[in-house]
Amino acid sequence: MDVKIIKDLAQKYTVDELNKFADEFEATGVAPIKTQDDPGDQMSDYLQAAELRVYIDKGLPVNEALREFSKRVRGVLT
């Protein structure tokens, strides 16, 4: 998880746009907005940025939204 990339995507694009990027990447294998060379990491960036954007759209400041999202990810991994 590259926090800088995810944060940047979440600040620039809407949830719908990020989900469309993921759908297009899955369908064509071509990244609409290239963030990384590894396809798995590329897809993860789109999907994680979309989840982060949900928190931002709820009114949380970016850093707090990132903290909440990170808590959720750590909860899944433990």
N, C-alpha and C. Protein backbone atom coordinates (compact mmCIF):
# COMPACT_ATOMS: atom_id res chain seq x y z
N MET A 1 0.86 -1.17 0.00
CA MET A 1 0.00 0.00 0.00
C MET A 1 0.90 1.23 0.00
N ASP A 2 0.85 2.00 -1.08
CA ASP A 2 1.61 3.24 -1.18
C ASP A 2 0.67 4.39 -0.82
N VAL A 3 0.80 4.85 0.41
CA VAL A 3 -0.11 5.85 0.96
C VAL A 3 -0.12 7.12 0.12
N LYS A 4 1.04 7.54 -0.35
CA LYS A 4 1.12 8.79 -1.13
C LYS A 4 0.28 8.68 -2.41
N ILE A 5 0.40 7.56 -3.11
CA ILE A 5 -0.36 7.36 -4.35
C ILE A 5 -1.85 7.32 -4.07
N ILE A 6 -2.24 6.57 -3.05
CA ILE A 6 -3.66 6.43 -2.71
C ILE A 6 -4.25 7.78 -2.31
N LYS A 7 -3.52 8.50 -1.49
CA LYS A 7 -3.98 9.82 -1.04
C LYS A 7 -4.14 10.76 -2.24
N ASP A 8 -3.19 10.75 -3.14
CA ASP A 8 -3.24 11.61 -4.32
C ASP A 8 -4.46 11.27 -5.20
N LEU A 9 -4.66 10.00 -5.45
CA LEU A 9 -5.83 9.58 -6.26
C LEU A 9 -7.13 10.00 -5.59
N ALA A 10 -7.22 9.77 -4.28
CA ALA A 10 -8.46 10.08 -3.55
C ALA A 10 -8.77 11.57 -3.55
N GLN A 11 -7.74 12.39 -3.58
CA GLN A 11 -7.95 13.83 -3.59
C GLN A 11 -8.32 14.35 -4.98
N LYS A 12 -7.89 13.66 -6.03
CA LYS A 12 -8.11 14.14 -7.39
C LYS A 12 -9.39 13.61 -8.04
N TYR A 13 -9.83 12.41 -7.64
CA TYR A 13 -10.92 11.74 -8.36
C TYR A 13 -12.06 11.35 -7.42
N THR A 14 -13.25 11.27 -7.98
CA THR A 14 -14.43 10.85 -7.22
C THR A 14 -14.44 9.34 -7.07
N VAL A 15 -15.30 8.86 -6.20
CA VAL A 15 -15.47 7.42 -6.01
C VAL A 15 -15.87 6.77 -7.34
N ASP A 16 -16.81 7.38 -8.03
CA ASP A 16 -17.26 6.83 -9.31
C ASP A 16 -16.13 6.77 -10.34
N GLU A 17 -15.33 7.82 -10.41
CA GLU A 17 -14.22 7.82 -11.35
C GLU A 17 -13.21 6.72 -11.02
N LEU A 18 -12.90 6.58 -9.74
CA LEU A 18 -11.94 5.56 -9.32
C LEU A 18 -12.46 4.15 -9.61
N ASN A 19 -13.74 3.94 -9.37
CA ASN A 19 -14.33 2.63 -9.67
C ASN A 19 -14.34 2.38 -11.18
N LYS A 20 -14.56 3.41 -11.98
CA LYS A 20 -14.50 3.26 -13.43
C LYS A 20 -13.09 2.93 -13.89
N PHE A 21 -12.09 3.54 -13.25
CA PHE A 21 -10.70 3.20 -13.57
C PHE A 21 -10.45 1.72 -13.31
N ALA A 22 -10.93 1.24 -12.16
CA ALA A 22 -10.74 -0.17 -11.81
C ALA A 22 -11.46 -1.08 -12.79
N ASP A 23 -12.68 -0.72 -13.17
CA ASP A 23 -13.45 -1.52 -14.12
C ASP A 23 -12.76 -1.57 -15.49
N GLU A 24 -12.30 -0.41 -15.94
CA GLU A 24 -11.62 -0.33 -17.24
C GLU A 24 -10.32 -1.14 -17.22
N PHE A 25 -9.58 -1.03 -16.13
CA PHE A 25 -8.33 -1.77 -16.00
C PHE A 25 -8.59 -3.28 -16.01
N GLU A 26 -9.63 -3.68 -15.32
CA GLU A 26 -9.97 -5.10 -15.28
C GLU A 26 -10.40 -5.60 -16.66
N ALA A 27 -11.16 -4.79 -17.38
CA ALA A 27 -11.70 -5.20 -18.69
C ALA A 27 -10.64 -5.18 -19.79
N THR A 28 -9.74 -4.19 -19.75
CA THR A 28 -8.81 -4.01 -20.86
C THR A 28 -7.35 -4.35 -20.54
N GLY A 29 -7.03 -4.33 -19.26
CA GLY A 29 -5.63 -4.53 -18.87
C GLY A 29 -4.79 -3.29 -19.03
N VAL A 30 -5.43 -2.19 -19.42
CA VAL A 30 -4.73 -0.91 -19.60
C VAL A 30 -5.15 0.03 -18.47
N ALA A 31 -4.16 0.56 -17.76
CA ALA A 31 -4.44 1.45 -16.64
C ALA A 31 -4.77 2.85 -17.16
N PRO A 32 -5.98 3.36 -16.87
CA PRO A 32 -6.34 4.71 -17.31
C PRO A 32 -5.44 5.78 -16.68
N ILE A 33 -5.09 5.58 -15.43
CA ILE A 33 -4.15 6.45 -14.72
C ILE A 33 -3.11 5.50 -14.13
N LYS A 34 -1.92 5.49 -14.70
CA LYS A 34 -0.90 4.54 -14.25
C LYS A 34 -0.23 5.04 -12.97
N THR A 35 -0.21 4.18 -11.97
CA THR A 35 0.43 4.54 -10.70
C THR A 35 1.61 3.63 -10.39
N GLN A 36 1.56 2.37 -10.84
CA GLN A 36 2.61 1.40 -10.54
C GLN A 36 2.73 0.40 -11.69
N ASP A 37 3.85 -0.31 -11.72
CA ASP A 37 4.08 -1.30 -12.78
C ASP A 37 3.35 -2.61 -12.52
N ASP A 38 3.24 -3.01 -11.26
CA ASP A 38 2.58 -4.27 -10.93
C ASP A 38 1.06 -4.14 -11.08
N PRO A 39 0.42 -5.00 -11.88
CA PRO A 39 -1.03 -4.90 -12.07
C PRO A 39 -1.83 -5.03 -10.78
N GLY A 40 -1.40 -5.90 -9.88
CA GLY A 40 -2.11 -6.05 -8.60
C GLY A 40 -2.04 -4.80 -7.77
N ASP A 41 -0.87 -4.19 -7.73
CA ASP A 41 -0.71 -2.94 -6.99
C ASP A 41 -1.52 -1.82 -7.64
N GLN A 42 -1.55 -1.81 -8.97
CA GLN A 42 -2.31 -0.81 -9.71
C GLN A 42 -3.80 -0.89 -9.33
N MET A 43 -4.35 -2.09 -9.38
CA MET A 43 -5.76 -2.27 -9.04
C MET A 43 -6.02 -1.90 -7.59
N SER A 44 -5.12 -2.31 -6.71
CA SER A 44 -5.27 -1.98 -5.28
C SER A 44 -5.28 -0.47 -5.06
N ASP A 45 -4.45 0.24 -5.80
CA ASP A 45 -4.43 1.70 -5.67
C ASP A 45 -5.80 2.30 -5.98
N TYR A 46 -6.42 1.86 -7.07
CA TYR A 46 -7.75 2.39 -7.43
C TYR A 46 -8.77 2.09 -6.35
N LEU A 47 -8.81 0.84 -5.93
CA LEU A 47 -9.84 0.41 -4.99
C LEU A 47 -9.63 1.02 -3.60
N GLN A 48 -8.40 1.11 -3.16
CA GLN A 48 -8.13 1.72 -1.87
C GLN A 48 -8.39 3.22 -1.90
N ALA A 49 -8.05 3.86 -2.98
CA ALA A 49 -8.32 5.30 -3.10
C ALA A 49 -9.82 5.56 -3.09
N ALA A 50 -10.60 4.69 -3.72
CA ALA A 50 -12.06 4.84 -3.70
C ALA A 50 -12.59 4.73 -2.28
N GLU A 51 -12.07 3.77 -1.51
CA GLU A 51 -12.50 3.62 -0.11
C GLU A 51 -12.10 4.84 0.71
N LEU A 52 -10.90 5.35 0.49
CA LEU A 52 -10.45 6.55 1.20
C LEU A 52 -11.34 7.73 0.84
N ARG A 53 -11.71 7.83 -0.42
CA ARG A 53 -12.55 8.95 -0.88
C ARG A 53 -13.91 8.94 -0.20
N VAL A 54 -14.42 7.76 0.12
CA VAL A 54 -15.70 7.66 0.85
C VAL A 54 -15.59 8.41 2.18
N TYR A 55 -14.50 8.21 2.89
CA TYR A 55 -14.30 8.92 4.16
C TYR A 55 -14.20 10.43 3.94
N ILE A 56 -13.49 10.82 2.90
CA ILE A 56 -13.34 12.24 2.59
C ILE A 56 -14.69 12.85 2.26
N ASP A 57 -15.50 12.12 1.48
CA ASP A 57 -16.82 12.61 1.11
C ASP A 57 -17.77 12.73 2.31
N LYS A 58 -17.46 12.01 3.38
CA LYS A 58 -18.26 12.11 4.61
C LYS A 58 -17.86 13.32 5.43
N GLY A 59 -16.85 14.05 4.95
CA GLY A 59 -16.45 15.29 5.61
C GLY A 59 -15.20 15.20 6.47
N LEU A 60 -14.54 14.05 6.48
CA LEU A 60 -13.31 13.95 7.26
C LEU A 60 -12.17 14.64 6.52
N PRO A 61 -11.30 15.33 7.25
CA PRO A 61 -10.10 15.87 6.62
C PRO A 61 -9.27 14.70 6.08
N VAL A 62 -8.47 14.96 5.08
CA VAL A 62 -7.73 13.90 4.39
C VAL A 62 -6.90 13.04 5.34
N ASN A 63 -6.15 13.68 6.23
CA ASN A 63 -5.29 12.91 7.13
C ASN A 63 -6.10 12.06 8.10
N GLU A 64 -7.21 12.58 8.57
CA GLU A 64 -8.08 11.79 9.46
C GLU A 64 -8.74 10.65 8.68
N ALA A 65 -9.14 10.92 7.46
CA ALA A 65 -9.73 9.88 6.61
C ALA A 65 -8.71 8.77 6.38
N LEU A 66 -7.47 9.14 6.14
CA LEU A 66 -6.41 8.16 5.93
C LEU A 66 -6.18 7.34 7.20
N ARG A 67 -6.24 7.98 8.33
CA ARG A 67 -6.07 7.27 9.61
C ARG A 67 -7.20 6.26 9.81
N GLU A 68 -8.44 6.66 9.53
CA GLU A 68 -9.58 5.75 9.67
C GLU A 68 -9.49 4.59 8.69
N PHE A 69 -9.11 4.88 7.47
CA PHE A 69 -8.96 3.83 6.47
C PHE A 69 -7.86 2.86 6.88
N SER A 70 -6.75 3.39 7.36
CA SER A 70 -5.63 2.55 7.80
C SER A 70 -6.03 1.64 8.95
N LYS A 71 -6.84 2.16 9.88
CA LYS A 71 -7.34 1.33 10.98
C LYS A 71 -8.14 0.16 10.44
N ARG A 72 -8.97 0.44 9.47
CA ARG A 72 -9.80 -0.61 8.87
C ARG A 72 -8.93 -1.67 8.18
N VAL A 73 -7.91 -1.24 7.46
CA VAL A 73 -7.01 -2.17 6.78
C VAL A 73 -6.28 -3.02 7.82
N ARG A 74 -5.75 -2.39 8.86
CA ARG A 74 -5.05 -3.14 9.90
C ARG A 74 -5.98 -4.15 10.57
N GLY A 75 -7.24 -3.79 10.75
CA GLY A 75 -8.22 -4.70 11.36
C GLY A 75 -8.42 -5.95 10.51
N VAL A 76 -8.39 -5.79 9.21
CA VAL A 76 -8.55 -6.93 8.30
C VAL A 76 -7.30 -7.81 8.31
N LEU A 77 -6.15 -7.18 8.42
CA LEU A 77 -4.89 -7.92 8.34
C LEU A 77 -4.52 -8.64 9.63
N THR A 78 -5.16 -8.27 10.74
CA THR A 78 -4.81 -8.93 12.01
C THR A 78 -5.81 -9.99 12.39
